[in-house]
Amino acid sequence: MLTYIGRRVLLMVPVLFAISVVAFVIIQLPPGDYLSTIVSQLRARGDVIDEAELAQLTARYGLNDPIFVQYLKWITQILFHGDFGMSFAWNRPVSSLLAERLPLTVLLSVTTLLFTWIVAFPIGVYSAVRQYSVGDYVATTFGFLGLAIPEFLIALVLMWIGLRYFGQSVGGLFSPEFQEAPWNLGKLLDLLAHLWVPILVLGMGGTAGLIRVLRANLLDELHKPYVVAARARGMPERRLTVRYPLRVALNPFVSTVGWVLPGLVSGEVIVAQVLNLPTAGPLLLAALKGQDMYLAGSVILVVSVLTVIGTLISDILLAWLDPRVRMRYR
């Protein structure tokens, strides 16, 4: 087990390096840069452009340097000084923007993952054990609807229901009086009161997918010879299901830890725009649209690092759960 963990940790280093290079190159591919975007906006409004100020900003941010020089400056500042650079659009350190948005993004991702597991696990098991029952048909219908309905449409429906029948908007993660307030018990309770809506919206598709996967895997295991033999020896059905086939069928639950964060961030961009969530998704979208390369690259890098760490955790849990994974390295 330790050998397996050691190999996975060592593999993280080149993966993270490759991710940082690819992310920085991709955000540099569109023609121009942040200053050229600002110039085009000023010209569209008919404003006067100060060429000397543009030249000063270009020299300050090194926008005329080759791309590999810009990358080396950026990555060395991160590794040795923890400095992610300055955001052009916000005129603030990227680290302060990440400190504001990233904790809420991670909180939303973790709680959505827990919600997905808590809901999908009992429904998937019941649907497999009681195949072709009324409950199985209801769960199957729920699964198809959850996979078919776009998340932003669910968000719009919930907002309309909240406004139409309860007289309040469900957008955002805080009430207006807690938006700029320091953290205290009241703000925490207000966050929890608003958190269930994005959790429900973002977790709908994942929950429906896991129900289908768990049902299919468990049905496949329940008809295998070792289960039939244990049932023939008189083992109680509930104990048999929990001890053997369910443990094997749980592999998809554990293996989803790694990709849940990028999936939520990518799906959360549109949902966050609809629900006005102060998370990393809209920040990344605005940075990419405005070619704010340090902010966009930093968000992509941090999310990728969390994804790799999540994949490591899921691999370790999968090796602990399924002996076939760790036996390969013996």
C-alpha atoms as a PDB file:
ATOM      1  CA  MET A   1       0.000   0.000   0.000  1.00  0.00           C
ATOM      2  CA  LEU A   2       2.826   2.415   0.843  1.00  0.00           C
ATOM      3  CA  THR A   3       4.520   1.618  -2.475  1.00  0.00           C
ATOM      4  CA  TYR A   4       1.307   2.413  -4.305  1.00  0.00           C
ATOM      5  CA  ILE A   5       0.870   5.723  -2.454  1.00  0.00           C
ATOM      6  CA  GLY A   6       4.510   6.656  -3.093  1.00  0.00           C
ATOM      7  CA  ARG A   7       4.180   6.056  -6.816  1.00  0.00           C
ATOM      8  CA  ARG A   8       1.015   8.118  -7.008  1.00  0.00           C
ATOM      9  CA  VAL A   9       2.628  11.019  -5.122  1.00  0.00           C
ATOM     10  CA  LEU A  10       5.695  11.004  -7.403  1.00  0.00           C
ATOM     11  CA  LEU A  11       3.476  11.028 -10.477  1.00  0.00           C
ATOM     12  CA  MET A  12       1.822  14.215  -9.222  1.00  0.00           C
ATOM     13  CA  VAL A  13       4.961  16.313  -9.799  1.00  0.00           C
ATOM     14  CA  PRO A  14       5.261  15.977 -13.612  1.00  0.00           C
ATOM     15  CA  VAL A  15       1.479  16.096 -13.972  1.00  0.00           C
ATOM     16  CA  LEU A  16       1.259  19.424 -12.140  1.00  0.00           C
ATOM     17  CA  PHE A  17       4.168  20.830 -14.144  1.00  0.00           C
ATOM     18  CA  ALA A  18       2.526  19.800 -17.422  1.00  0.00           C
ATOM     19  CA  ILE A  19      -0.804  21.277 -16.292  1.00  0.00           C
ATOM     20  CA  SER A  20       0.812  24.630 -15.460  1.00  0.00           C
ATOM     21  CA  VAL A  21       2.564  24.803 -18.844  1.00  0.00           C
ATOM     22  CA  VAL A  22      -0.527  23.827 -20.838  1.00  0.00           C
ATOM     23  CA  ALA A  23      -2.770  26.218 -18.894  1.00  0.00           C
ATOM     24  CA  PHE A  24      -0.427  29.165 -19.406  1.00  0.00           C
ATOM     25  CA  VAL A  25       0.040  28.404 -23.121  1.00  0.00           C
ATOM     26  CA  ILE A  26      -3.702  28.005 -23.753  1.00  0.00           C
ATOM     27  CA  ILE A  27      -4.640  31.343 -22.191  1.00  0.00           C
ATOM     28  CA  GLN A  28      -1.954  33.000 -24.346  1.00  0.00           C
ATOM     29  CA  LEU A  29      -3.270  31.539 -27.611  1.00  0.00           C
ATOM     30  CA  PRO A  30      -5.918  34.212 -28.391  1.00  0.00           C
ATOM     31  CA  PRO A  31      -4.411  37.180 -30.265  1.00  0.00           C
ATOM     32  CA  GLY A  32      -3.559  40.250 -28.236  1.00  0.00           C
ATOM     33  CA  ASP A  33      -3.494  40.652 -24.474  1.00  0.00           C
ATOM     34  CA  TYR A  34      -5.327  42.488 -21.713  1.00  0.00           C
ATOM     35  CA  LEU A  35      -4.042  45.884 -22.786  1.00  0.00           C
ATOM     36  CA  SER A  36      -5.145  45.346 -26.381  1.00  0.00           C
ATOM     37  CA  THR A  37      -8.610  44.477 -25.069  1.00  0.00           C
ATOM     38  CA  ILE A  38      -8.696  47.704 -23.049  1.00  0.00           C
ATOM     39  CA  VAL A  39      -7.509  49.718 -26.062  1.00  0.00           C
ATOM     40  CA  SER A  40     -10.268  48.303 -28.264  1.00  0.00           C
ATOM     41  CA  GLN A  41     -12.873  49.131 -25.603  1.00  0.00           C
ATOM     42  CA  LEU A  42     -11.582  52.695 -25.248  1.00  0.00           C
ATOM     43  CA  ARG A  43     -11.571  53.217 -29.005  1.00  0.00           C
ATOM     44  CA  ALA A  44     -15.115  51.886 -29.243  1.00  0.00           C
ATOM     45  CA  ARG A  45     -16.203  54.565 -26.738  1.00  0.00           C
ATOM     46  CA  GLY A  46     -14.173  57.259 -28.500  1.00  0.00           C
ATOM     47  CA  ASP A  47     -11.855  57.887 -25.516  1.00  0.00           C
ATOM     48  CA  VAL A  48      -8.286  59.177 -25.827  1.00  0.00           C
ATOM     49  CA  ILE A  49      -5.519  56.558 -25.416  1.00  0.00           C
ATOM     50  CA  ASP A  50      -2.335  57.511 -23.601  1.00  0.00           C
ATOM     51  CA  GLU A  51       0.384  55.666 -25.515  1.00  0.00           C
ATOM     52  CA  ALA A  52       3.018  56.412 -22.861  1.00  0.00           C
ATOM     53  CA  GLU A  53       0.874  54.838 -20.151  1.00  0.00           C
ATOM     54  CA  LEU A  54       0.268  51.774 -22.336  1.00  0.00           C
ATOM     55  CA  ALA A  55       4.006  51.390 -22.930  1.00  0.00           C
ATOM     56  CA  GLN A  56       4.654  51.698 -19.185  1.00  0.00           C
ATOM     57  CA  LEU A  57       2.079  49.016 -18.366  1.00  0.00           C
ATOM     58  CA  THR A  58       3.427  46.757 -21.112  1.00  0.00           C
ATOM     59  CA  ALA A  59       6.945  47.007 -19.680  1.00  0.00           C
ATOM     60  CA  ARG A  60       5.680  46.577 -16.104  1.00  0.00           C
ATOM     61  CA  TYR A  61       3.864  43.314 -16.819  1.00  0.00           C
ATOM     62  CA  GLY A  62       6.408  42.048 -19.340  1.00  0.00           C
ATOM     63  CA  LEU A  63       3.798  41.594 -22.063  1.00  0.00           C
ATOM     64  CA  ASN A  64       6.448  42.002 -24.785  1.00  0.00           C
ATOM     65  CA  ASP A  65       8.579  39.171 -23.390  1.00  0.00           C
ATOM     66  CA  PRO A  66       8.464  35.725 -25.049  1.00  0.00           C
ATOM     67  CA  ILE A  67       5.837  33.403 -23.647  1.00  0.00           C
ATOM     68  CA  PHE A  68       8.364  31.101 -21.957  1.00  0.00           C
ATOM     69  CA  VAL A  69       9.903  34.090 -20.153  1.00  0.00           C
ATOM     70  CA  GLN A  70       6.483  35.167 -18.904  1.00  0.00           C
ATOM     71  CA  TYR A  71       5.791  31.590 -17.772  1.00  0.00           C
ATOM     72  CA  LEU A  72       9.092  31.299 -15.899  1.00  0.00           C
ATOM     73  CA  LYS A  73       8.496  34.606 -14.105  1.00  0.00           C
ATOM     74  CA  TRP A  74       4.973  33.536 -13.157  1.00  0.00           C
ATOM     75  CA  ILE A  75       5.769  30.020 -11.954  1.00  0.00           C
ATOM     76  CA  THR A  76       8.931  30.980 -10.044  1.00  0.00           C
ATOM     77  CA  GLN A  77       7.067  33.721  -8.187  1.00  0.00           C
ATOM     78  CA  ILE A  78       4.421  31.175  -7.207  1.00  0.00           C
ATOM     79  CA  LEU A  79       6.851  28.452  -6.128  1.00  0.00           C
ATOM     80  CA  PHE A  80       9.357  30.562  -4.213  1.00  0.00           C
ATOM     81  CA  HIS A  81       7.318  33.545  -3.033  1.00  0.00           C
ATOM     82  CA  GLY A  82       3.677  32.437  -3.140  1.00  0.00           C
ATOM     83  CA  ASP A  83       2.980  35.420  -5.414  1.00  0.00           C
ATOM     84  CA  PHE A  84       0.395  34.713  -8.143  1.00  0.00           C
ATOM     85  CA  GLY A  85       0.889  38.132  -9.736  1.00  0.00           C
ATOM     86  CA  MET A  86      -1.469  41.064 -10.182  1.00  0.00           C
ATOM     87  CA  SER A  87      -4.877  40.910 -11.783  1.00  0.00           C
ATOM     88  CA  PHE A  88      -5.072  43.416 -14.617  1.00  0.00           C
ATOM     89  CA  ALA A  89      -8.824  43.848 -14.471  1.00  0.00           C
ATOM     90  CA  TRP A  90      -9.175  44.042 -10.677  1.00  0.00           C
ATOM     91  CA  ASN A  91      -5.831  45.805 -10.048  1.00  0.00           C
ATOM     92  CA  ARG A  92      -5.415  43.569  -6.993  1.00  0.00           C
ATOM     93  CA  PRO A  93      -3.146  40.655  -6.098  1.00  0.00           C
ATOM     94  CA  VAL A  94      -4.492  37.399  -7.509  1.00  0.00           C
ATOM     95  CA  SER A  95      -3.895  35.718  -4.147  1.00  0.00           C
ATOM     96  CA  SER A  96      -6.436  37.997  -2.452  1.00  0.00           C
ATOM     97  CA  LEU A  97      -9.060  37.228  -5.114  1.00  0.00           C
ATOM     98  CA  LEU A  98      -8.415  33.507  -4.713  1.00  0.00           C
ATOM     99  CA  ALA A  99      -8.674  33.812  -0.938  1.00  0.00           C
ATOM    100  CA  GLU A 100     -12.143  35.334  -1.358  1.00  0.00           C
ATOM    101  CA  ARG A 101     -13.577  32.960  -3.972  1.00  0.00           C
ATOM    102  CA  LEU A 102     -11.790  29.624  -3.604  1.00  0.00           C
ATOM    103  CA  PRO A 103     -12.943  28.649  -0.071  1.00  0.00           C
ATOM    104  CA  LEU A 104     -16.595  29.088  -1.105  1.00  0.00           C
ATOM    105  CA  THR A 105     -15.944  27.046  -4.257  1.00  0.00           C
ATOM    106  CA  VAL A 106     -14.352  24.204  -2.275  1.00  0.00           C
ATOM    107  CA  LEU A 107     -17.155  24.339   0.311  1.00  0.00           C
ATOM    108  CA  LEU A 108     -19.774  24.159  -2.435  1.00  0.00           C
ATOM    109  CA  SER A 109     -17.937  21.294  -4.151  1.00  0.00           C
ATOM    110  CA  VAL A 110     -17.500  19.209  -0.994  1.00  0.00           C
ATOM    111  CA  THR A 111     -21.067  19.693   0.199  1.00  0.00           C
ATOM    112  CA  THR A 112     -22.404  18.888  -3.274  1.00  0.00           C
ATOM    113  CA  LEU A 113     -20.319  15.708  -3.322  1.00  0.00           C
ATOM    114  CA  LEU A 114     -21.649  14.686   0.100  1.00  0.00           C
ATOM    115  CA  PHE A 115     -25.203  15.439  -1.014  1.00  0.00           C
ATOM    116  CA  THR A 116     -24.668  13.329  -4.137  1.00  0.00           C
ATOM    117  CA  TRP A 117     -23.378  10.368  -2.124  1.00  0.00           C
ATOM    118  CA  ILE A 118     -26.032  10.584   0.597  1.00  0.00           C
ATOM    119  CA  VAL A 119     -28.892  10.665  -1.901  1.00  0.00           C
ATOM    120  CA  ALA A 120     -27.532   8.342  -4.597  1.00  0.00           C
ATOM    121  CA  PHE A 121     -26.322   5.540  -2.309  1.00  0.00           C
ATOM    122  CA  PRO A 122     -29.613   4.388  -0.725  1.00  0.00           C
ATOM    123  CA  ILE A 123     -31.637   4.994  -3.903  1.00  0.00           C
ATOM    124  CA  GLY A 124     -29.165   3.077  -6.069  1.00  0.00           C
ATOM    125  CA  VAL A 125     -29.026   0.130  -3.660  1.00  0.00           C
ATOM    126  CA  TYR A 126     -32.811  -0.025  -3.326  1.00  0.00           C
ATOM    127  CA  SER A 127     -33.255   0.240  -7.083  1.00  0.00           C
ATOM    128  CA  ALA A 128     -30.923  -2.722  -7.649  1.00  0.00           C
ATOM    129  CA  VAL A 129     -32.209  -4.943  -4.847  1.00  0.00           C
ATOM    130  CA  ARG A 130     -35.864  -4.242  -5.747  1.00  0.00           C
ATOM    131  CA  GLN A 131     -35.443  -4.431  -9.507  1.00  0.00           C
ATOM    132  CA  TYR A 132     -38.574  -3.629 -11.569  1.00  0.00           C
ATOM    133  CA  SER A 133     -40.502  -2.532  -8.483  1.00  0.00           C
ATOM    134  CA  VAL A 134     -42.438   0.736  -8.265  1.00  0.00           C
ATOM    135  CA  GLY A 135     -39.534   2.328  -6.394  1.00  0.00           C
ATOM    136  CA  ASP A 136     -37.111   1.171  -9.080  1.00  0.00           C
ATOM    137  CA  TYR A 137     -39.222   2.761 -11.812  1.00  0.00           C
ATOM    138  CA  VAL A 138     -39.464   6.012  -9.829  1.00  0.00           C
ATOM    139  CA  ALA A 139     -35.678   6.081  -9.284  1.00  0.00           C
ATOM    140  CA  THR A 140     -35.070   5.318 -12.962  1.00  0.00           C
ATOM    141  CA  THR A 141     -37.383   8.141 -14.012  1.00  0.00           C
ATOM    142  CA  PHE A 142     -35.636  10.510 -11.591  1.00  0.00           C
ATOM    143  CA  GLY A 143     -32.278   9.445 -13.032  1.00  0.00           C
ATOM    144  CA  PHE A 144     -33.300  10.144 -16.614  1.00  0.00           C
ATOM    145  CA  LEU A 145     -34.801  13.525 -15.694  1.00  0.00           C
ATOM    146  CA  GLY A 146     -31.736  14.529 -13.669  1.00  0.00           C
ATOM    147  CA  LEU A 147     -29.423  13.713 -16.575  1.00  0.00           C
ATOM    148  CA  ALA A 148     -31.637  15.351 -19.199  1.00  0.00           C
ATOM    149  CA  ILE A 149     -32.553  18.685 -17.572  1.00  0.00           C
ATOM    150  CA  PRO A 150     -29.795  21.344 -17.779  1.00  0.00           C
ATOM    151  CA  GLU A 151     -28.583  22.644 -14.428  1.00  0.00           C
ATOM    152  CA  PHE A 152     -29.162  26.297 -15.294  1.00  0.00           C
ATOM    153  CA  LEU A 153     -32.801  25.511 -16.123  1.00  0.00           C
ATOM    154  CA  ILE A 154     -33.273  23.957 -12.673  1.00  0.00           C
ATOM    155  CA  ALA A 155     -31.729  27.100 -11.178  1.00  0.00           C
ATOM    156  CA  LEU A 156     -34.142  29.319 -13.085  1.00  0.00           C
ATOM    157  CA  VAL A 157     -37.127  27.222 -11.982  1.00  0.00           C
ATOM    158  CA  LEU A 158     -36.064  27.375  -8.317  1.00  0.00           C
ATOM    159  CA  MET A 159     -35.576  31.128  -8.548  1.00  0.00           C
ATOM    160  CA  TRP A 160     -39.057  31.539 -10.036  1.00  0.00           C
ATOM    161  CA  ILE A 161     -40.616  29.331  -7.328  1.00  0.00           C
ATOM    162  CA  GLY A 162     -38.835  31.252  -4.575  1.00  0.00           C
ATOM    163  CA  LEU A 163     -39.907  34.608  -5.954  1.00  0.00           C
ATOM    164  CA  ARG A 164     -43.442  33.567  -6.913  1.00  0.00           C
ATOM    165  CA  TYR A 165     -44.504  31.595  -3.845  1.00  0.00           C
ATOM    166  CA  PHE A 166     -42.123  32.709  -1.080  1.00  0.00           C
ATOM    167  CA  GLY A 167     -41.496  36.307  -2.082  1.00  0.00           C
ATOM    168  CA  GLN A 168     -37.703  36.098  -1.923  1.00  0.00           C
ATOM    169  CA  SER A 169     -34.852  35.514  -4.331  1.00  0.00           C
ATOM    170  CA  VAL A 170     -32.733  32.392  -3.919  1.00  0.00           C
ATOM    171  CA  GLY A 171     -29.743  33.884  -5.747  1.00  0.00           C
ATOM    172  CA  GLY A 172     -26.362  34.399  -4.106  1.00  0.00           C
ATOM    173  CA  LEU A 173     -24.875  32.805  -1.019  1.00  0.00           C
ATOM    174  CA  PHE A 174     -25.582  35.662   1.406  1.00  0.00           C
ATOM    175  CA  SER A 175     -28.392  38.046   2.198  1.00  0.00           C
ATOM    176  CA  PRO A 176     -27.724  41.732   1.349  1.00  0.00           C
ATOM    177  CA  GLU A 177     -27.009  42.628   4.975  1.00  0.00           C
ATOM    178  CA  PHE A 178     -24.295  39.930   5.208  1.00  0.00           C
ATOM    179  CA  GLN A 179     -22.572  40.586   1.871  1.00  0.00           C
ATOM    180  CA  GLU A 180     -19.769  42.753   3.274  1.00  0.00           C
ATOM    181  CA  ALA A 181     -20.132  41.809   6.950  1.00  0.00           C
ATOM    182  CA  PRO A 182     -17.252  40.092   8.778  1.00  0.00           C
ATOM    183  CA  TRP A 183     -17.577  36.397   9.534  1.00  0.00           C
ATOM    184  CA  ASN A 184     -19.695  35.590  12.576  1.00  0.00           C
ATOM    185  CA  LEU A 185     -22.340  33.078  13.602  1.00  0.00           C
ATOM    186  CA  GLY A 186     -25.119  35.022  11.868  1.00  0.00           C
ATOM    187  CA  LYS A 187     -23.248  35.116   8.558  1.00  0.00           C
ATOM    188  CA  LEU A 188     -22.467  31.389   8.812  1.00  0.00           C
ATOM    189  CA  LEU A 189     -26.140  30.548   9.420  1.00  0.00           C
ATOM    190  CA  ASP A 190     -27.131  32.805   6.529  1.00  0.00           C
ATOM    191  CA  LEU A 191     -24.649  30.966   4.277  1.00  0.00           C
ATOM    192  CA  LEU A 192     -26.123  27.606   5.279  1.00  0.00           C
ATOM    193  CA  ALA A 193     -29.631  28.919   4.571  1.00  0.00           C
ATOM    194  CA  HIS A 194     -28.623  29.873   1.018  1.00  0.00           C
ATOM    195  CA  LEU A 195     -26.278  26.953   0.307  1.00  0.00           C
ATOM    196  CA  TRP A 196     -28.924  24.283  -0.286  1.00  0.00           C
ATOM    197  CA  VAL A 197     -30.113  25.811  -3.580  1.00  0.00           C
ATOM    198  CA  PRO A 198     -26.779  25.605  -5.490  1.00  0.00           C
ATOM    199  CA  ILE A 199     -26.122  22.202  -3.878  1.00  0.00           C
ATOM    200  CA  LEU A 200     -29.449  20.926  -5.183  1.00  0.00           C
ATOM    201  CA  VAL A 201     -28.880  22.427  -8.630  1.00  0.00           C
ATOM    202  CA  LEU A 202     -25.278  21.257  -9.057  1.00  0.00           C
ATOM    203  CA  GLY A 203     -25.857  17.852  -7.471  1.00  0.00           C
ATOM    204  CA  MET A 204     -28.894  16.868  -9.512  1.00  0.00           C
ATOM    205  CA  GLY A 205     -27.029  15.543 -12.553  1.00  0.00           C
ATOM    206  CA  GLY A 206     -24.290  13.833 -10.533  1.00  0.00           C
ATOM    207  CA  THR A 207     -26.814  12.175  -8.236  1.00  0.00           C
ATOM    208  CA  ALA A 208     -28.836  10.844 -11.156  1.00  0.00           C
ATOM    209  CA  GLY A 209     -25.711   9.514 -12.858  1.00  0.00           C
ATOM    210  CA  LEU A 210     -24.424   7.766  -9.724  1.00  0.00           C
ATOM    211  CA  ILE A 211     -27.817   6.148  -9.130  1.00  0.00           C
ATOM    212  CA  ARG A 212     -27.695   4.644 -12.607  1.00  0.00           C
ATOM    213  CA  VAL A 213     -24.063   3.509 -12.230  1.00  0.00           C
ATOM    214  CA  LEU A 214     -24.558   1.987  -8.769  1.00  0.00           C
ATOM    215  CA  ARG A 215     -27.725   0.196  -9.868  1.00  0.00           C
ATOM    216  CA  ALA A 216     -26.040  -1.276 -12.935  1.00  0.00           C
ATOM    217  CA  ASN A 217     -22.895  -2.372 -11.054  1.00  0.00           C
ATOM    218  CA  LEU A 218     -24.820  -3.882  -8.158  1.00  0.00           C
ATOM    219  CA  LEU A 219     -27.168  -5.767 -10.488  1.00  0.00           C
ATOM    220  CA  ASP A 220     -24.131  -7.167 -12.283  1.00  0.00           C
ATOM    221  CA  GLU A 221     -22.559  -8.335  -9.000  1.00  0.00           C
ATOM    222  CA  LEU A 222     -25.767  -9.815  -7.570  1.00  0.00           C
ATOM    223  CA  HIS A 223     -25.909 -12.402 -10.372  1.00  0.00           C
ATOM    224  CA  LYS A 224     -22.308 -13.560 -10.163  1.00  0.00           C
ATOM    225  CA  PRO A 225     -21.482 -17.134  -9.045  1.00  0.00           C
ATOM    226  CA  TYR A 226     -19.909 -16.167  -5.699  1.00  0.00           C
ATOM    227  CA  VAL A 227     -23.138 -14.412  -4.663  1.00  0.00           C
ATOM    228  CA  VAL A 228     -25.265 -17.355  -5.780  1.00  0.00           C
ATOM    229  CA  ALA A 229     -23.003 -19.739  -3.840  1.00  0.00           C
ATOM    230  CA  ALA A 230     -23.151 -17.622  -0.664  1.00  0.00           C
ATOM    231  CA  ARG A 231     -26.923 -17.386  -0.970  1.00  0.00           C
ATOM    232  CA  ALA A 232     -27.144 -21.183  -1.402  1.00  0.00           C
ATOM    233  CA  ARG A 233     -25.162 -21.674   1.831  1.00  0.00           C
ATOM    234  CA  GLY A 234     -27.867 -19.802   3.708  1.00  0.00           C
ATOM    235  CA  MET A 235     -26.229 -16.399   4.242  1.00  0.00           C
ATOM    236  CA  PRO A 236     -28.892 -13.757   5.033  1.00  0.00           C
ATOM    237  CA  GLU A 237     -29.684 -11.607   2.010  1.00  0.00           C
ATOM    238  CA  ARG A 238     -28.988  -8.259   3.675  1.00  0.00           C
ATOM    239  CA  ARG A 239     -25.652  -9.384   5.108  1.00  0.00           C
ATOM    240  CA  LEU A 240     -24.698 -10.956   1.781  1.00  0.00           C
ATOM    241  CA  THR A 241     -25.487  -7.772  -0.172  1.00  0.00           C
ATOM    242  CA  VAL A 242     -23.599  -5.451   2.163  1.00  0.00           C
ATOM    243  CA  ARG A 243     -20.549  -7.651   2.663  1.00  0.00           C
ATOM    244  CA  TYR A 244     -19.663  -8.663  -0.899  1.00  0.00           C
ATOM    245  CA  PRO A 245     -21.385  -7.208  -4.003  1.00  0.00           C
ATOM    246  CA  LEU A 246     -22.058  -3.759  -2.542  1.00  0.00           C
ATOM    247  CA  ARG A 247     -18.407  -3.280  -1.646  1.00  0.00           C
ATOM    248  CA  VAL A 248     -17.366  -3.934  -5.249  1.00  0.00           C
ATOM    249  CA  ALA A 249     -20.173  -1.761  -6.628  1.00  0.00           C
ATOM    250  CA  LEU A 250     -19.018   1.187  -4.496  1.00  0.00           C
ATOM    251  CA  ASN A 251     -15.942   1.750  -6.668  1.00  0.00           C
ATOM    252  CA  PRO A 252     -17.654   4.489  -8.761  1.00  0.00           C
ATOM    253  CA  PHE A 253     -18.477   6.442  -5.590  1.00  0.00           C
ATOM    254  CA  VAL A 254     -14.851   6.511  -4.499  1.00  0.00           C
ATOM    255  CA  SER A 255     -13.436   7.174  -7.965  1.00  0.00           C
ATOM    256  CA  THR A 256     -15.556  10.331  -8.406  1.00  0.00           C
ATOM    257  CA  VAL A 257     -13.652  12.314  -5.767  1.00  0.00           C
ATOM    258  CA  GLY A 258     -10.965  13.380  -8.235  1.00  0.00           C
ATOM    259  CA  TRP A 259     -13.105  14.766 -11.040  1.00  0.00           C
ATOM    260  CA  VAL A 260     -15.908  16.295  -8.980  1.00  0.00           C
ATOM    261  CA  LEU A 261     -14.125  19.639  -8.534  1.00  0.00           C
ATOM    262  CA  PRO A 262     -13.375  20.398 -12.215  1.00  0.00           C
ATOM    263  CA  GLY A 263     -16.822  19.114 -13.133  1.00  0.00           C
ATOM    264  CA  LEU A 264     -18.459  21.414 -10.619  1.00  0.00           C
ATOM    265  CA  VAL A 265     -16.322  24.412 -11.594  1.00  0.00           C
ATOM    266  CA  SER A 266     -17.083  23.924 -15.302  1.00  0.00           C
ATOM    267  CA  GLY A 267     -20.781  23.334 -14.676  1.00  0.00           C
ATOM    268  CA  GLU A 268     -20.874  25.984 -11.991  1.00  0.00           C
ATOM    269  CA  VAL A 269     -19.862  28.788 -14.369  1.00  0.00           C
ATOM    270  CA  ILE A 270     -23.317  29.036 -15.958  1.00  0.00           C
ATOM    271  CA  VAL A 271     -25.184  28.177 -12.748  1.00  0.00           C
ATOM    272  CA  ALA A 272     -23.169  30.756 -10.826  1.00  0.00           C
ATOM    273  CA  GLN A 273     -24.056  33.396 -13.393  1.00  0.00           C
ATOM    274  CA  VAL A 274     -27.750  32.550 -12.996  1.00  0.00           C
ATOM    275  CA  LEU A 275     -27.669  32.338  -9.192  1.00  0.00           C
ATOM    276  CA  ASN A 276     -25.104  35.155  -8.739  1.00  0.00           C
ATOM    277  CA  LEU A 277     -22.694  32.992  -6.728  1.00  0.00           C
ATOM    278  CA  PRO A 278     -19.406  34.572  -5.518  1.00  0.00           C
ATOM    279  CA  THR A 279     -17.323  31.544  -6.507  1.00  0.00           C
ATOM    280  CA  ALA A 280     -14.326  30.845  -8.747  1.00  0.00           C
ATOM    281  CA  GLY A 281     -16.363  29.975 -11.855  1.00  0.00           C
ATOM    282  CA  PRO A 282     -17.496  33.520 -12.801  1.00  0.00           C
ATOM    283  CA  LEU A 283     -14.055  34.834 -11.830  1.00  0.00           C
ATOM    284  CA  LEU A 284     -12.393  32.433 -14.273  1.00  0.00           C
ATOM    285  CA  LEU A 285     -14.887  33.263 -17.023  1.00  0.00           C
ATOM    286  CA  ALA A 286     -14.327  37.010 -16.640  1.00  0.00           C
ATOM    287  CA  ALA A 287     -10.539  36.516 -16.616  1.00  0.00           C
ATOM    288  CA  LEU A 288     -10.630  34.462 -19.819  1.00  0.00           C
ATOM    289  CA  LYS A 289     -12.912  36.946 -21.584  1.00  0.00           C
ATOM    290  CA  GLY A 290     -10.697  39.878 -20.567  1.00  0.00           C
ATOM    291  CA  GLN A 291      -7.413  37.994 -21.192  1.00  0.00           C
ATOM    292  CA  ASP A 292      -6.379  38.580 -17.588  1.00  0.00           C
ATOM    293  CA  MET A 293      -3.688  35.928 -17.918  1.00  0.00           C
ATOM    294  CA  TYR A 294      -2.316  35.860 -14.368  1.00  0.00           C
ATOM    295  CA  LEU A 295      -5.764  35.551 -12.836  1.00  0.00           C
ATOM    296  CA  ALA A 296      -6.972  32.955 -15.369  1.00  0.00           C
ATOM    297  CA  GLY A 297      -3.778  30.927 -15.122  1.00  0.00           C
ATOM    298  CA  SER A 298      -3.814  30.996 -11.338  1.00  0.00           C
ATOM    299  CA  VAL A 299      -7.435  29.851 -11.096  1.00  0.00           C
ATOM    300  CA  ILE A 300      -6.801  27.023 -13.569  1.00  0.00           C
ATOM    301  CA  LEU A 301      -3.606  26.037 -11.739  1.00  0.00           C
ATOM    302  CA  VAL A 302      -5.191  26.002  -8.274  1.00  0.00           C
ATOM    303  CA  VAL A 303      -8.246  24.067  -9.473  1.00  0.00           C
ATOM    304  CA  SER A 304      -5.947  21.597 -11.244  1.00  0.00           C
ATOM    305  CA  VAL A 305      -3.853  21.121  -8.101  1.00  0.00           C
ATOM    306  CA  LEU A 306      -7.002  20.428  -6.078  1.00  0.00           C
ATOM    307  CA  THR A 307      -8.131  18.011  -8.799  1.00  0.00           C
ATOM    308  CA  VAL A 308      -4.851  16.103  -8.679  1.00  0.00           C
ATOM    309  CA  ILE A 309      -5.012  15.965  -4.877  1.00  0.00           C
ATOM    310  CA  GLY A 310      -8.608  14.748  -5.084  1.00  0.00           C
ATOM    311  CA  THR A 311      -7.549  12.088  -7.596  1.00  0.00           C
ATOM    312  CA  LEU A 312      -4.793  10.960  -5.216  1.00  0.00           C
ATOM    313  CA  ILE A 313      -7.297  10.677  -2.370  1.00  0.00           C
ATOM    314  CA  SER A 314      -9.734   8.740  -4.566  1.00  0.00           C
ATOM    315  CA  ASP A 315      -6.950   6.384  -5.691  1.00  0.00           C
ATOM    316  CA  ILE A 316      -5.933   5.707  -2.100  1.00  0.00           C
ATOM    317  CA  LEU A 317      -9.536   5.074  -1.051  1.00  0.00           C
ATOM    318  CA  LEU A 318     -10.066   2.848  -4.084  1.00  0.00           C
ATOM    319  CA  ALA A 319      -6.955   0.820  -3.265  1.00  0.00           C
ATOM    320  CA  TRP A 320      -8.172   0.414   0.324  1.00  0.00           C
ATOM    321  CA  LEU A 321     -11.641  -0.585  -0.822  1.00  0.00           C
ATOM    322  CA  ASP A 322     -10.658  -2.884  -3.718  1.00  0.00           C
ATOM    323  CA  PRO A 323      -7.641  -5.188  -3.098  1.00  0.00           C
ATOM    324  CA  ARG A 324      -7.264  -5.770  -6.850  1.00  0.00           C
ATOM    325  CA  VAL A 325      -5.934  -2.211  -7.253  1.00  0.00           C
ATOM    326  CA  ARG A 326      -3.143  -2.435  -4.686  1.00  0.00           C
ATOM    327  CA  MET A 327      -2.217  -6.032  -5.559  1.00  0.00           C
ATOM    328  CA  ARG A 328      -0.925  -4.854  -8.934  1.00  0.00           C
ATOM    329  CA  TYR A 329       2.058  -3.203  -7.227  1.00  0.00           C
ATOM    330  CA  ARG A 330       3.151  -6.195  -5.146  1.00  0.00           C
END
